[in-house]
Amino acid sequence: MSDGWQVIDSIDHVDPTEWNEVVDAAGGSVFSTVEWLSAYEKEPPAPLHAVRHLVWRENGKLRAVAPMYYASEDPHYTGYGPDYGFDHPILRARMLVGHSFYSYFNGICSTLPAAEVAPGLVATMREVATDLGSPLYGFPGVPETDPLCDELDRLGFVSIYTEATSGVNFVGTAEAHLAGLKNKVRREFGRLRRRSERLGVTVRTDVDPGYVDAFAGLVEDVCARHGIPTINPPDNIRSIFRHLREQLHFLTIWKDDVLLGGFILLHRADTLYAWIAGLNYDFHKAYATYYALYANTLDLAERLSVRRIEMGRSMYGFKVRVGFHPQLLVSWFDATDDASREMLTGGAEALESNCRTRQRIAEAYEAVDLIPPAPLLGPPRFPRSLAPAIHQ
């Protein structure tokens, strides 16, 4: 393997303290911690064919970690097809991915500059992918501003704008956050929250096994409605609760004994991550469930004294409306042979033309009479991308 890089075939074979210290020093998210990776590996939510974590040591000291999985048929990826009405072999291809599609802020955690570690990292990835017989390898969902993106672009990876994650710098209190919204939105929020309370909606924070099972059922139902496999099967969700019990907060919204919806949120350092939601589609509009979840997320952020809230992917319209700002994520892939490169080229074209991530986010801002942020206007940052330019 390339000098400095080692390959590890299980998260159980790393020193948890040493690994997490690198994550923290690099400003990494909860999704790169040993706890999260353990939960994922013990109960993988989709076909997981091999674990190949890459670590970089310098003079015996761990300096960079790159979680990697050889996976296929990931619902987060295959879900793009049914959601946007297209199909392509890339949606089902096996691939060695830097992290997984189940988190956001993917990539690597390094205490060294990306330019220093990327060449060896990519060379090692290619060796591992070739050894596994993987047609594709790369990184799904890397923030557009991450220095790793510049290095992957320079090294010839294909970039695809398939999604974004929305977040906000929290101003300390729920009241202060709401004060920053447009008057119309703030009034609507207050009206819907009062309606939920008037209808007898209650909030529970207990991590009760029965509540967890009911929540897992809502996740299954949402995926079935979208025509995709369950994104997080019940065993995977239970694994998250087991391995991240110190970081996890569980919000559920009820009408008597009927579960209307829920959030799994993860707290690490000064950030609160809203990881996954489940909604009861038979009732959620009548009881304004998502607004209730959102309100209680703000209250939780205030109690935890966090400085930032991350609300995850999709639902750009709602999130922009209530004061969150989408951050573009870029997926980066390369191929191990000519046939795979042809699939990658066609797959990138299909994903860009059907997902329309940049356009959808721009439309979310325009729908509430806001000017889209500068990174969304004009051509995409990375010229290898097939994403079209957006003009005001």
Protein backbone atom coordinates (compact mmCIF):
# COMPACT_ATOMS: atom_id res chain seq x y z
CA MET A 1 0.00 0.00 0.00
CA SER A 2 1.03 3.64 -0.40
CA ASP A 3 3.47 4.85 2.22
CA GLY A 4 1.79 5.98 5.40
CA TRP A 5 -1.60 4.36 4.81
CA GLN A 6 -2.85 1.20 6.53
CA VAL A 7 -6.03 -0.80 5.82
CA ILE A 8 -8.20 -2.02 8.71
CA ASP A 9 -11.09 -4.46 8.16
CA SER A 10 -13.23 -3.64 11.22
CA ILE A 11 -13.88 -0.68 13.45
CA ASP A 12 -13.32 -3.12 16.32
CA HIS A 13 -9.62 -3.16 15.41
CA VAL A 14 -8.97 0.52 16.13
CA ASP A 15 -8.27 2.34 19.39
CA PRO A 16 -11.54 4.25 20.00
CA THR A 17 -9.90 7.05 21.97
CA GLU A 18 -7.15 7.59 19.40
CA TRP A 19 -9.61 7.51 16.48
CA ASN A 20 -12.06 9.93 18.06
CA GLU A 21 -9.27 12.33 19.02
CA VAL A 22 -8.40 12.66 15.32
CA VAL A 23 -12.09 13.19 14.48
CA ASP A 24 -12.35 15.98 17.06
CA ALA A 25 -9.04 17.60 16.11
CA ALA A 26 -10.10 17.65 12.46
CA GLY A 27 -13.50 19.16 13.27
CA GLY A 28 -15.27 15.98 12.16
CA SER A 29 -18.90 15.15 12.81
CA VAL A 30 -20.56 12.53 14.97
CA PHE A 31 -20.83 10.36 11.84
CA SER A 32 -17.07 9.75 11.80
CA THR A 33 -16.85 8.58 15.42
CA VAL A 34 -16.19 5.01 16.50
CA GLU A 35 -19.65 4.88 18.08
CA TRP A 36 -21.45 5.71 14.84
CA LEU A 37 -19.29 3.40 12.72
CA SER A 38 -19.78 0.56 15.21
CA ALA A 39 -23.55 0.94 15.02
CA TYR A 40 -23.41 0.89 11.22
CA GLU A 41 -21.09 -2.10 10.96
CA LYS A 42 -22.85 -4.27 13.55
CA GLU A 43 -26.23 -3.92 11.84
CA PRO A 44 -25.64 -2.63 8.30
CA PRO A 45 -28.83 -1.22 6.78
CA ALA A 46 -27.97 -2.34 3.21
CA PRO A 47 -25.67 -4.95 1.62
CA LEU A 48 -22.21 -4.42 3.15
CA HIS A 49 -19.64 -6.64 1.43
CA ALA A 50 -16.45 -5.53 3.16
CA VAL A 51 -15.00 -3.01 5.60
CA ARG A 52 -11.78 -1.28 4.58
CA HIS A 53 -10.97 1.67 6.83
CA LEU A 54 -7.86 3.59 5.81
CA VAL A 55 -5.67 5.23 8.46
CA TRP A 56 -2.55 7.38 8.09
CA ARG A 57 0.22 7.35 10.67
CA GLU A 58 3.19 9.66 10.86
CA ASN A 59 6.00 8.64 13.19
CA GLY A 60 3.61 6.25 14.88
CA LYS A 61 0.96 8.93 15.54
CA LEU A 62 -2.47 8.63 13.97
CA ARG A 63 -3.01 11.69 11.77
CA ALA A 64 -5.92 10.81 9.44
CA VAL A 65 -8.86 8.39 9.35
CA ALA A 66 -10.98 7.51 6.32
CA PRO A 67 -13.91 5.17 7.04
CA MET A 68 -14.63 3.02 3.97
CA TYR A 69 -17.18 0.42 2.99
CA TYR A 70 -17.64 -1.84 -0.02
CA ALA A 71 -21.39 -1.59 -0.41
CA SER A 72 -24.24 -1.82 -2.92
CA GLU A 73 -27.94 -1.09 -3.36
CA ASP A 74 -27.87 1.61 -0.75
CA PRO A 75 -31.43 2.98 -0.45
CA HIS A 76 -30.18 6.56 -0.10
CA TYR A 77 -28.67 6.15 -3.54
CA THR A 78 -31.16 3.86 -5.26
CA GLY A 79 -33.93 6.06 -3.88
CA TYR A 80 -32.95 8.79 -6.32
CA GLY A 81 -34.36 6.68 -9.15
CA PRO A 82 -37.97 6.23 -7.93
CA ASP A 83 -38.02 9.72 -6.42
CA TYR A 84 -37.04 11.39 -9.67
CA GLY A 85 -38.40 8.92 -12.20
CA PHE A 86 -35.29 7.41 -13.78
CA ASP A 87 -33.16 4.29 -13.64
CA HIS A 88 -29.50 3.54 -14.29
CA PRO A 89 -27.09 0.69 -13.42
CA ILE A 90 -25.03 3.03 -11.23
CA LEU A 91 -27.89 2.99 -8.70
CA ARG A 92 -27.25 -0.70 -8.01
CA ALA A 93 -23.50 -0.97 -8.62
CA ARG A 94 -21.12 -2.17 -5.96
CA MET A 95 -18.72 0.56 -4.93
CA LEU A 96 -16.02 1.28 -2.37
CA VAL A 97 -17.29 4.41 -0.69
CA GLY A 98 -15.50 6.77 1.68
CA HIS A 99 -17.91 6.48 4.57
CA SER A 100 -21.53 5.67 3.72
CA PHE A 101 -24.70 7.16 2.29
CA TYR A 102 -26.26 7.03 5.74
CA SER A 103 -24.50 10.11 7.02
CA TYR A 104 -23.65 13.56 5.80
CA PHE A 105 -20.32 15.39 6.02
CA ASN A 106 -18.56 12.40 4.53
CA GLY A 107 -14.93 12.32 3.46
CA ILE A 108 -11.96 12.01 5.80
CA CYS A 109 -10.83 13.43 9.12
CA SER A 110 -7.23 14.60 8.99
CA THR A 111 -4.95 16.77 11.09
CA LEU A 112 -2.78 17.21 7.98
CA PRO A 113 -3.69 19.32 4.90
CA ALA A 114 -5.82 17.55 2.30
CA ALA A 115 -3.19 18.20 -0.35
CA GLU A 116 -0.69 16.20 1.70
CA VAL A 117 -2.83 13.13 2.30
CA ALA A 118 -5.08 12.94 -0.79
CA PRO A 119 -2.62 11.46 -3.34
CA GLY A 120 -1.68 8.52 -1.12
CA LEU A 121 -5.26 8.08 0.01
CA VAL A 122 -6.55 7.87 -3.55
CA ALA A 123 -3.79 5.51 -4.64
CA THR A 124 -4.60 3.21 -1.71
CA MET A 125 -8.33 3.40 -2.42
CA ARG A 126 -7.75 2.38 -6.01
CA GLU A 127 -5.61 -0.58 -4.93
CA VAL A 128 -8.26 -1.71 -2.46
CA ALA A 129 -11.11 -1.24 -4.97
CA THR A 130 -9.24 -3.20 -7.62
CA ASP A 131 -8.49 -5.98 -5.15
CA LEU A 132 -12.19 -6.17 -4.21
CA GLY A 133 -13.30 -6.15 -7.84
CA SER A 134 -15.21 -2.91 -7.25
CA PRO A 135 -16.10 -1.05 -10.47
CA LEU A 136 -16.34 2.32 -8.68
CA TYR A 137 -14.75 3.99 -5.71
CA GLY A 138 -15.09 7.43 -4.18
CA PHE A 139 -16.80 9.66 -1.64
CA PRO A 140 -20.55 10.36 -1.49
CA GLY A 141 -21.72 13.57 0.14
CA VAL A 142 -18.60 15.66 0.79
CA PRO A 143 -19.34 19.32 1.66
CA GLU A 144 -18.52 21.50 -1.36
CA THR A 145 -16.22 23.68 0.76
CA ASP A 146 -14.17 20.76 2.13
CA PRO A 147 -10.54 21.03 0.89
CA LEU A 148 -10.74 17.34 -0.04
CA CYS A 149 -13.04 18.31 -2.93
CA ASP A 150 -10.34 20.44 -4.56
CA GLU A 151 -7.88 17.57 -4.35
CA LEU A 152 -10.30 15.00 -5.77
CA ASP A 153 -11.11 17.37 -8.62
CA ARG A 154 -7.39 17.81 -9.33
CA LEU A 155 -6.93 14.02 -9.30
CA GLY A 156 -9.58 13.53 -11.97
CA PHE A 157 -12.60 12.30 -10.02
CA VAL A 158 -16.08 12.88 -11.48
CA SER A 159 -18.15 15.23 -9.30
CA ILE A 160 -21.91 14.91 -8.94
CA TYR A 161 -24.21 17.31 -7.07
CA THR A 162 -26.78 14.85 -5.76
CA GLU A 163 -27.88 16.38 -2.46
CA ALA A 164 -27.36 18.97 0.27
CA THR A 165 -27.67 19.18 4.03
CA SER A 166 -29.29 22.09 5.83
CA GLY A 167 -27.99 23.77 8.97
CA VAL A 168 -27.96 27.00 10.92
CA ASN A 169 -25.73 28.73 13.44
CA PHE A 170 -27.97 28.64 16.49
CA VAL A 171 -28.34 31.97 18.22
CA GLY A 172 -28.80 30.60 21.73
CA THR A 173 -32.56 30.43 22.21
CA ALA A 174 -35.54 29.15 20.27
CA GLU A 175 -37.16 32.57 20.59
CA ALA A 176 -34.15 34.33 19.07
CA HIS A 177 -34.06 31.89 16.16
CA LEU A 178 -37.75 32.39 15.43
CA ALA A 179 -37.30 36.16 15.62
CA GLY A 180 -35.04 35.93 12.59
CA LEU A 181 -37.73 34.41 10.37
CA LYS A 182 -39.97 36.35 8.04
CA ASN A 183 -43.06 37.67 9.83
CA LYS A 184 -45.40 35.51 7.75
CA VAL A 185 -43.45 32.35 8.51
CA ARG A 186 -43.17 33.17 12.20
CA ARG A 187 -46.93 33.72 12.44
CA GLU A 188 -47.62 30.47 10.59
CA PHE A 189 -45.24 28.60 12.87
CA GLY A 190 -46.93 29.96 15.97
CA ARG A 191 -50.40 29.16 14.62
CA LEU A 192 -49.49 25.55 13.77
CA ARG A 193 -47.76 24.96 17.08
CA ARG A 194 -50.77 26.28 18.99
CA ARG A 195 -53.06 24.08 16.89
CA SER A 196 -51.04 20.99 17.78
CA GLU A 197 -51.26 21.85 21.47
CA ARG A 198 -55.00 22.54 21.20
CA LEU A 199 -55.54 19.14 19.56
CA GLY A 200 -53.86 17.39 22.46
CA VAL A 201 -50.52 16.54 20.87
CA THR A 202 -47.85 15.59 23.41
CA VAL A 203 -44.07 15.21 23.24
CA ARG A 204 -42.17 12.33 24.80
CA THR A 205 -38.42 11.96 25.21
CA ASP A 206 -38.32 8.44 26.68
CA VAL A 207 -36.12 5.88 24.93
CA ASP A 208 -38.73 3.18 25.40
CA PRO A 209 -38.22 -0.03 23.34
CA GLY A 210 -41.85 0.09 22.26
CA TYR A 211 -41.46 3.69 21.09
CA VAL A 212 -38.30 2.75 19.17
CA ASP A 213 -40.12 -0.10 17.43
CA ALA A 214 -43.05 2.15 16.55
CA PHE A 215 -40.66 4.77 15.17
CA ALA A 216 -38.89 2.13 13.07
CA GLY A 217 -42.29 1.22 11.64
CA LEU A 218 -42.83 4.83 10.53
CA VAL A 219 -39.45 4.81 8.74
CA GLU A 220 -40.43 1.60 6.94
CA ASP A 221 -43.74 3.14 5.89
CA VAL A 222 -42.11 6.31 4.50
CA CYS A 223 -39.74 4.23 2.37
CA ALA A 224 -42.55 2.01 1.12
CA ARG A 225 -44.45 5.10 0.00
CA HIS A 226 -41.37 6.14 -1.99
CA GLY A 227 -41.00 2.70 -3.52
CA ILE A 228 -37.57 1.95 -2.05
CA PRO A 229 -36.20 -0.57 0.48
CA THR A 230 -36.23 0.54 4.08
CA ILE A 231 -33.45 3.07 4.52
CA ASN A 232 -32.86 2.05 8.13
CA PRO A 233 -34.37 -1.32 9.09
CA PRO A 234 -35.45 -1.80 12.72
CA ASP A 235 -32.28 -3.71 13.71
CA ASN A 236 -30.11 -0.89 12.39
CA ILE A 237 -32.10 1.73 14.30
CA ARG A 238 -31.81 -0.32 17.50
CA SER A 239 -28.05 -0.52 16.91
CA ILE A 240 -27.90 3.29 16.74
CA PHE A 241 -29.64 3.48 20.11
CA ARG A 242 -27.24 0.95 21.65
CA HIS A 243 -23.98 2.41 20.41
CA LEU A 244 -24.78 6.13 20.63
CA ARG A 245 -26.75 6.21 23.85
CA GLU A 246 -24.48 8.93 25.29
CA GLN A 247 -25.05 11.23 22.29
CA LEU A 248 -28.62 10.35 21.36
CA HIS A 249 -31.83 12.27 21.98
CA PHE A 250 -35.20 10.85 20.96
CA LEU A 251 -38.22 13.07 20.34
CA THR A 252 -41.61 11.52 19.62
CA ILE A 253 -44.92 13.27 18.97
CA TRP A 254 -48.14 11.55 20.07
CA LYS A 255 -51.89 11.93 19.95
CA ASP A 256 -53.02 9.71 22.79
CA ASP A 257 -51.48 6.31 21.87
CA VAL A 258 -50.94 7.09 18.18
CA LEU A 259 -47.36 7.94 17.18
CA LEU A 260 -47.47 10.92 14.81
CA GLY A 261 -43.75 11.27 14.23
CA GLY A 262 -40.30 11.28 15.72
CA PHE A 263 -36.71 12.48 15.44
CA ILE A 264 -33.45 10.80 16.32
CA LEU A 265 -30.99 13.56 17.14
CA LEU A 266 -27.29 13.23 17.99
CA HIS A 267 -25.34 15.72 20.13
CA ARG A 268 -21.58 16.01 19.91
CA ALA A 269 -19.43 18.96 20.97
CA ASP A 270 -21.37 22.12 20.10
CA THR A 271 -23.57 20.66 17.34
CA LEU A 272 -26.98 18.97 17.36
CA TYR A 273 -27.56 16.66 14.38
CA ALA A 274 -31.13 15.80 13.42
CA TRP A 275 -30.28 12.47 11.83
CA ILE A 276 -33.53 10.76 10.81
CA ALA A 277 -37.23 11.54 11.00
CA GLY A 278 -40.26 9.31 10.85
CA LEU A 279 -43.72 10.65 10.04
CA ASN A 280 -47.16 9.11 10.25
CA TYR A 281 -48.45 10.11 6.81
CA ASP A 282 -52.05 9.42 7.80
CA PHE A 283 -52.06 12.25 10.32
CA HIS A 284 -49.00 14.47 10.03
CA LYS A 285 -50.67 17.34 8.15
CA ALA A 286 -53.69 17.47 10.44
CA TYR A 287 -51.49 17.72 13.52
CA ALA A 288 -48.63 19.75 11.97
CA THR A 289 -46.24 17.06 13.16
CA TYR A 290 -43.13 18.32 11.42
CA TYR A 291 -43.57 21.79 12.87
CA ALA A 292 -43.93 20.23 16.32
CA LEU A 293 -40.72 18.24 15.81
CA TYR A 294 -38.95 21.35 14.58
CA ALA A 295 -40.13 23.41 17.58
CA ASN A 296 -38.93 20.77 20.02
CA THR A 297 -35.60 20.52 18.22
CA LEU A 298 -35.09 24.25 18.83
CA ASP A 299 -36.02 23.80 22.50
CA LEU A 300 -33.56 20.90 22.81
CA ALA A 301 -30.80 22.95 21.17
CA GLU A 302 -31.42 25.70 23.71
CA ARG A 303 -31.23 23.28 26.65
CA LEU A 304 -28.00 21.74 25.32
CA SER A 305 -26.45 25.19 24.62
CA VAL A 306 -25.35 24.12 21.15
CA ARG A 307 -23.94 26.58 18.64
CA ARG A 308 -25.17 24.84 15.49
CA ILE A 309 -28.08 22.64 14.37
CA GLU A 310 -27.80 20.33 11.39
CA MET A 311 -31.14 19.20 9.98
CA GLY A 312 -29.96 16.68 7.40
CA ARG A 313 -30.83 16.25 3.76
CA SER A 314 -33.90 16.86 1.54
CA MET A 315 -37.01 18.92 2.37
CA TYR A 316 -35.21 22.06 1.20
CA GLY A 317 -38.40 24.08 0.89
CA PHE A 318 -39.47 23.57 4.50
CA LYS A 319 -35.97 24.03 5.92
CA VAL A 320 -35.25 27.27 4.06
CA ARG A 321 -38.64 28.54 5.11
CA VAL A 322 -37.87 28.00 8.79
CA GLY A 323 -34.41 29.54 8.75
CA PHE A 324 -32.02 26.75 7.78
CA HIS A 325 -29.56 27.01 4.91
CA PRO A 326 -28.71 24.12 2.58
CA GLN A 327 -25.02 23.36 2.11
CA LEU A 328 -24.15 21.62 -1.14
CA LEU A 329 -22.70 18.13 -0.91
CA VAL A 330 -20.66 16.71 -3.77
CA SER A 331 -20.23 13.02 -4.57
CA TRP A 332 -16.87 12.10 -6.09
CA PHE A 333 -16.23 8.88 -8.01
CA ASP A 334 -13.64 7.23 -10.20
CA ALA A 335 -13.66 3.90 -12.03
CA THR A 336 -11.26 0.97 -11.97
CA ASP A 337 -11.58 0.05 -15.68
CA ASP A 338 -12.92 1.33 -19.01
CA ALA A 339 -16.29 -0.41 -18.79
CA SER A 340 -16.89 0.98 -15.32
CA ARG A 341 -15.86 4.44 -16.48
CA GLU A 342 -18.53 4.29 -19.16
CA MET A 343 -21.11 3.41 -16.49
CA LEU A 344 -19.85 6.25 -14.30
CA THR A 345 -20.09 8.80 -17.12
CA GLY A 346 -23.64 7.80 -17.99
CA GLY A 347 -24.63 7.54 -14.34
CA ALA A 348 -23.30 11.00 -13.54
CA GLU A 349 -25.30 12.45 -16.41
CA ALA A 350 -28.48 10.70 -15.22
CA LEU A 351 -28.03 11.80 -11.63
CA GLU A 352 -27.27 15.43 -12.47
CA SER A 353 -30.13 15.84 -14.92
CA ASN A 354 -32.74 14.19 -12.68
CA CYS A 355 -31.72 15.22 -9.15
CA ARG A 356 -31.36 18.93 -10.03
CA THR A 357 -30.10 19.63 -6.50
CA ARG A 358 -28.75 23.12 -7.10
CA GLN A 359 -31.89 24.16 -8.95
CA ARG A 360 -34.22 22.74 -6.29
CA ILE A 361 -32.44 24.65 -3.54
CA ALA A 362 -32.49 27.88 -5.53
CA GLU A 363 -36.23 27.41 -6.05
CA ALA A 364 -36.68 26.91 -2.28
CA TYR A 365 -35.16 30.35 -1.60
CA GLU A 366 -37.15 32.02 -4.36
CA ALA A 367 -40.39 30.52 -3.02
CA VAL A 368 -40.00 32.62 0.14
CA ASP A 369 -38.73 35.71 -1.70
CA LEU A 370 -35.10 35.23 -0.72
CA ILE A 371 -32.07 35.51 -3.00
CA PRO A 372 -30.23 32.17 -3.23
CA PRO A 373 -26.71 32.24 -1.74
CA ALA A 374 -23.89 33.07 -4.15
CA PRO A 375 -22.53 29.47 -4.34
CA LEU A 376 -25.81 28.44 -5.96
CA LEU A 377 -25.74 31.09 -8.67
CA GLY A 378 -23.78 30.82 -11.89
CA PRO A 379 -21.82 27.69 -12.83
CA PRO A 380 -20.99 24.96 -10.30
CA ARG A 381 -17.74 25.34 -8.41
CA PHE A 382 -16.19 22.22 -9.92
CA PRO A 383 -16.00 22.29 -13.73
CA ARG A 384 -15.94 18.50 -14.05
CA SER A 385 -19.51 18.49 -12.79
CA LEU A 386 -22.30 18.24 -15.32
CA ALA A 387 -24.55 20.48 -13.24
CA PRO A 388 -25.91 23.39 -15.29
CA ALA A 389 -25.36 27.02 -14.40
CA ILE A 390 -28.08 28.82 -12.46
CA HIS A 391 -28.89 32.43 -13.32
CA GLN A 392 -30.95 34.91 -11.35
